[in-house]
Amino acid sequence: MISEYLVVSLATLAAIGIVAAAMLKGWQGWLTLKLRELDAHRGEPESGSGMARIEIADLKERIRKLEAIAAGVDL
């Protein structure tokens, strides 16, 4: 006869296998999505580079102001 513990163990093992297979499928789907996003960005010209320069200039200005505050200089 099959013991109760064996049935529970086999059911648990099957459940773990099903969850692992579902997670693997989800992981592969996520990787496929990221590859498609990368392929889509390769063909686009860099239109955001000007915006990035503005953000960097803004950050530099903030750093300059913080350094002035730390040095005790009023702006």
N, C-alpha and C. Protein backbone atom coordinates (compact mmCIF):
# COMPACT_ATOMS: atom_id res chain seq x y z
N MET A 1 0.82 -1.19 0.00
CA MET A 1 0.00 0.00 0.00
C MET A 1 0.87 1.26 0.00
N ILE A 2 0.31 2.28 -0.59
CA ILE A 2 1.02 3.56 -0.64
C ILE A 2 0.70 4.32 0.65
N SER A 3 1.76 4.73 1.31
CA SER A 3 1.53 5.43 2.57
C SER A 3 1.09 6.87 2.31
N GLU A 4 0.51 7.43 3.32
CA GLU A 4 0.01 8.80 3.22
C GLU A 4 1.17 9.79 3.02
N TYR A 5 2.29 9.54 3.66
CA TYR A 5 3.45 10.41 3.52
C TYR A 5 4.01 10.41 2.10
N LEU A 6 3.96 9.26 1.45
CA LEU A 6 4.44 9.16 0.08
C LEU A 6 3.55 9.97 -0.86
N VAL A 7 2.26 9.93 -0.66
CA VAL A 7 1.32 10.68 -1.48
C VAL A 7 1.54 12.18 -1.30
N VAL A 8 1.69 12.60 -0.05
CA VAL A 8 1.92 14.02 0.23
C VAL A 8 3.25 14.46 -0.37
N SER A 9 4.28 13.65 -0.26
CA SER A 9 5.59 13.98 -0.82
C SER A 9 5.54 14.10 -2.33
N LEU A 10 4.86 13.17 -2.99
CA LEU A 10 4.75 13.22 -4.44
C LEU A 10 3.93 14.42 -4.90
N ALA A 11 2.88 14.74 -4.17
CA ALA A 11 2.06 15.91 -4.52
C ALA A 11 2.87 17.20 -4.33
N THR A 12 3.65 17.27 -3.28
CA THR A 12 4.50 18.44 -3.05
C THR A 12 5.55 18.57 -4.13
N LEU A 13 6.16 17.47 -4.49
CA LEU A 13 7.17 17.48 -5.55
C LEU A 13 6.56 17.91 -6.88
N ALA A 14 5.36 17.44 -7.18
CA ALA A 14 4.68 17.85 -8.41
C ALA A 14 4.36 19.34 -8.39
N ALA A 15 3.92 19.84 -7.24
CA ALA A 15 3.59 21.26 -7.12
C ALA A 15 4.84 22.12 -7.30
N ILE A 16 5.94 21.69 -6.73
CA ILE A 16 7.20 22.43 -6.90
C ILE A 16 7.62 22.44 -8.36
N GLY A 17 7.46 21.32 -9.03
CA GLY A 17 7.79 21.24 -10.45
C GLY A 17 6.93 22.17 -11.30
N ILE A 18 5.65 22.22 -11.00
CA ILE A 18 4.74 23.09 -11.75
C ILE A 18 5.08 24.56 -11.52
N VAL A 19 5.35 24.92 -10.28
CA VAL A 19 5.71 26.31 -9.97
C VAL A 19 7.03 26.67 -10.64
N ALA A 20 8.00 25.77 -10.60
CA ALA A 20 9.29 26.05 -11.23
C ALA A 20 9.14 26.22 -12.74
N ALA A 21 8.32 25.39 -13.37
CA ALA A 21 8.10 25.50 -14.81
C ALA A 21 7.41 26.83 -15.15
N ALA A 22 6.45 27.23 -14.33
CA ALA A 22 5.76 28.50 -14.57
C ALA A 22 6.71 29.68 -14.41
N MET A 23 7.57 29.62 -13.40
CA MET A 23 8.52 30.70 -13.19
C MET A 23 9.54 30.77 -14.32
N LEU A 24 9.97 29.61 -14.81
CA LEU A 24 10.91 29.58 -15.93
C LEU A 24 10.27 30.18 -17.18
N LYS A 25 9.03 29.87 -17.42
CA LYS A 25 8.32 30.43 -18.58
C LYS A 25 8.19 31.94 -18.44
N GLY A 26 7.89 32.42 -17.25
CA GLY A 26 7.80 33.86 -17.01
C GLY A 26 9.14 34.54 -17.20
N TRP A 27 10.20 33.93 -16.73
CA TRP A 27 11.55 34.48 -16.88
C TRP A 27 11.92 34.59 -18.36
N GLN A 28 11.62 33.55 -19.12
CA GLN A 28 11.92 33.58 -20.55
C GLN A 28 11.11 34.66 -21.26
N GLY A 29 9.86 34.84 -20.85
CA GLY A 29 9.04 35.89 -21.42
C GLY A 29 9.59 37.27 -21.10
N TRP A 30 10.07 37.46 -19.87
CA TRP A 30 10.64 38.74 -19.48
C TRP A 30 11.90 39.03 -20.28
N LEU A 31 12.75 38.01 -20.46
CA LEU A 31 13.96 38.20 -21.26
C LEU A 31 13.61 38.54 -22.72
N THR A 32 12.61 37.89 -23.25
CA THR A 32 12.17 38.19 -24.61
C THR A 32 11.68 39.64 -24.72
N LEU A 33 10.94 40.09 -23.73
CA LEU A 33 10.46 41.47 -23.71
C LEU A 33 11.63 42.45 -23.69
N LYS A 34 12.62 42.19 -22.85
CA LYS A 34 13.77 43.09 -22.76
C LYS A 34 14.57 43.09 -24.06
N LEU A 35 14.69 41.95 -24.71
CA LEU A 35 15.39 41.90 -26.00
C LEU A 35 14.65 42.73 -27.05
N ARG A 36 13.33 42.64 -27.04
CA ARG A 36 12.54 43.44 -27.98
C ARG A 36 12.70 44.93 -27.71
N GLU A 37 12.75 45.31 -26.43
CA GLU A 37 12.95 46.71 -26.08
C GLU A 37 14.32 47.20 -26.55
N LEU A 38 15.33 46.37 -26.37
CA LEU A 38 16.67 46.75 -26.83
C LEU A 38 16.71 46.89 -28.35
N ASP A 39 16.08 45.97 -29.05
CA ASP A 39 16.04 46.05 -30.50
C ASP A 39 15.29 47.30 -30.97
N ALA A 40 14.25 47.66 -30.25
CA ALA A 40 13.48 48.85 -30.63
C ALA A 40 14.30 50.12 -30.41
N HIS A 41 15.12 50.14 -29.39
CA HIS A 41 15.92 51.34 -29.09
C HIS A 41 17.14 51.46 -30.00
N ARG A 42 17.58 50.38 -30.59
CA ARG A 42 18.75 50.45 -31.46
C ARG A 42 18.48 51.27 -32.71
N GLY A 43 17.28 51.18 -33.24
CA GLY A 43 16.96 51.87 -34.48
C GLY A 43 16.62 53.33 -34.30
N GLU A 44 16.34 53.74 -33.08
CA GLU A 44 15.93 55.13 -32.84
C GLU A 44 17.15 56.04 -32.74
N PRO A 45 17.04 57.25 -33.28
CA PRO A 45 18.12 58.22 -33.02
C PRO A 45 18.05 58.69 -31.58
N GLU A 46 19.14 59.16 -31.07
CA GLU A 46 19.18 59.58 -29.67
C GLU A 46 18.57 60.96 -29.52
N SER A 47 17.26 60.98 -29.36
CA SER A 47 16.55 62.25 -29.22
C SER A 47 16.61 62.76 -27.78
N GLY A 48 16.88 61.88 -26.82
CA GLY A 48 16.91 62.27 -25.43
C GLY A 48 18.26 62.78 -24.96
N SER A 49 19.25 62.87 -25.86
CA SER A 49 20.58 63.28 -25.42
C SER A 49 20.59 64.75 -25.00
N GLY A 50 19.79 65.59 -25.67
CA GLY A 50 19.70 66.99 -25.27
C GLY A 50 19.08 67.14 -23.90
N MET A 51 18.07 66.32 -23.63
CA MET A 51 17.42 66.35 -22.32
C MET A 51 18.39 65.87 -21.25
N ALA A 52 19.21 64.89 -21.57
CA ALA A 52 20.18 64.40 -20.60
C ALA A 52 21.20 65.48 -20.27
N ARG A 53 21.61 66.25 -21.26
CA ARG A 53 22.56 67.34 -21.01
C ARG A 53 21.96 68.39 -20.09
N ILE A 54 20.69 68.68 -20.27
CA ILE A 54 20.02 69.66 -19.41
C ILE A 54 19.97 69.14 -17.98
N GLU A 55 19.66 67.85 -17.83
CA GLU A 55 19.60 67.28 -16.49
C GLU A 55 20.97 67.29 -15.83
N ILE A 56 22.02 66.99 -16.58
CA ILE A 56 23.37 67.00 -16.03
C ILE A 56 23.76 68.41 -15.62
N ALA A 57 23.43 69.39 -16.45
CA ALA A 57 23.72 70.78 -16.11
C ALA A 57 22.97 71.19 -14.85
N ASP A 58 21.72 70.75 -14.71
CA ASP A 58 20.94 71.06 -13.53
C ASP A 58 21.56 70.43 -12.29
N LEU A 59 22.01 69.19 -12.41
CA LEU A 59 22.65 68.52 -11.28
C LEU A 59 23.95 69.21 -10.89
N LYS A 60 24.72 69.65 -11.88
CA LYS A 60 25.97 70.36 -11.58
C LYS A 60 25.68 71.67 -10.85
N GLU A 61 24.63 72.35 -11.25
CA GLU A 61 24.25 73.60 -10.60
C GLU A 61 23.84 73.33 -9.15
N ARG A 62 23.10 72.28 -8.93
CA ARG A 62 22.69 71.94 -7.57
C ARG A 62 23.90 71.60 -6.70
N ILE A 63 24.84 70.85 -7.27
CA ILE A 63 26.06 70.51 -6.53
C ILE A 63 26.84 71.77 -6.18
N ARG A 64 26.93 72.69 -7.14
CA ARG A 64 27.65 73.95 -6.89
C ARG A 64 27.00 74.72 -5.74
N LYS A 65 25.67 74.76 -5.72
CA LYS A 65 24.96 75.46 -4.66
C LYS A 65 25.16 74.77 -3.32
N LEU A 66 25.12 73.43 -3.31
CA LEU A 66 25.33 72.71 -2.05
C LEU A 66 26.74 72.90 -1.53
N GLU A 67 27.72 72.93 -2.43
CA GLU A 67 29.10 73.17 -2.00
C GLU A 67 29.24 74.57 -1.44
N ALA A 68 28.55 75.52 -2.03
CA ALA A 68 28.60 76.90 -1.52
C ALA A 68 27.96 76.99 -0.14
N ILE A 69 26.87 76.27 0.05
CA ILE A 69 26.21 76.26 1.35
C ILE A 69 27.13 75.61 2.38
N ALA A 70 27.78 74.49 1.99
CA ALA A 70 28.68 73.81 2.91
C ALA A 70 29.88 74.70 3.28
N ALA A 71 30.31 75.52 2.34
CA ALA A 71 31.45 76.40 2.60
C ALA A 71 31.03 77.65 3.36
N GLY A 72 29.73 77.88 3.51
CA GLY A 72 29.24 79.03 4.25
C GLY A 72 29.11 80.28 3.41
N VAL A 73 29.06 80.14 2.11
CA VAL A 73 28.93 81.27 1.20
C VAL A 73 27.47 81.47 0.87
N ASP A 74 26.98 82.71 1.00
CA ASP A 74 25.59 83.00 0.62
C ASP A 74 25.52 83.30 -0.86
N LEU A 75 24.53 82.72 -1.51
CA LEU A 75 24.35 82.96 -2.95
C LEU A 75 23.36 84.06 -3.19
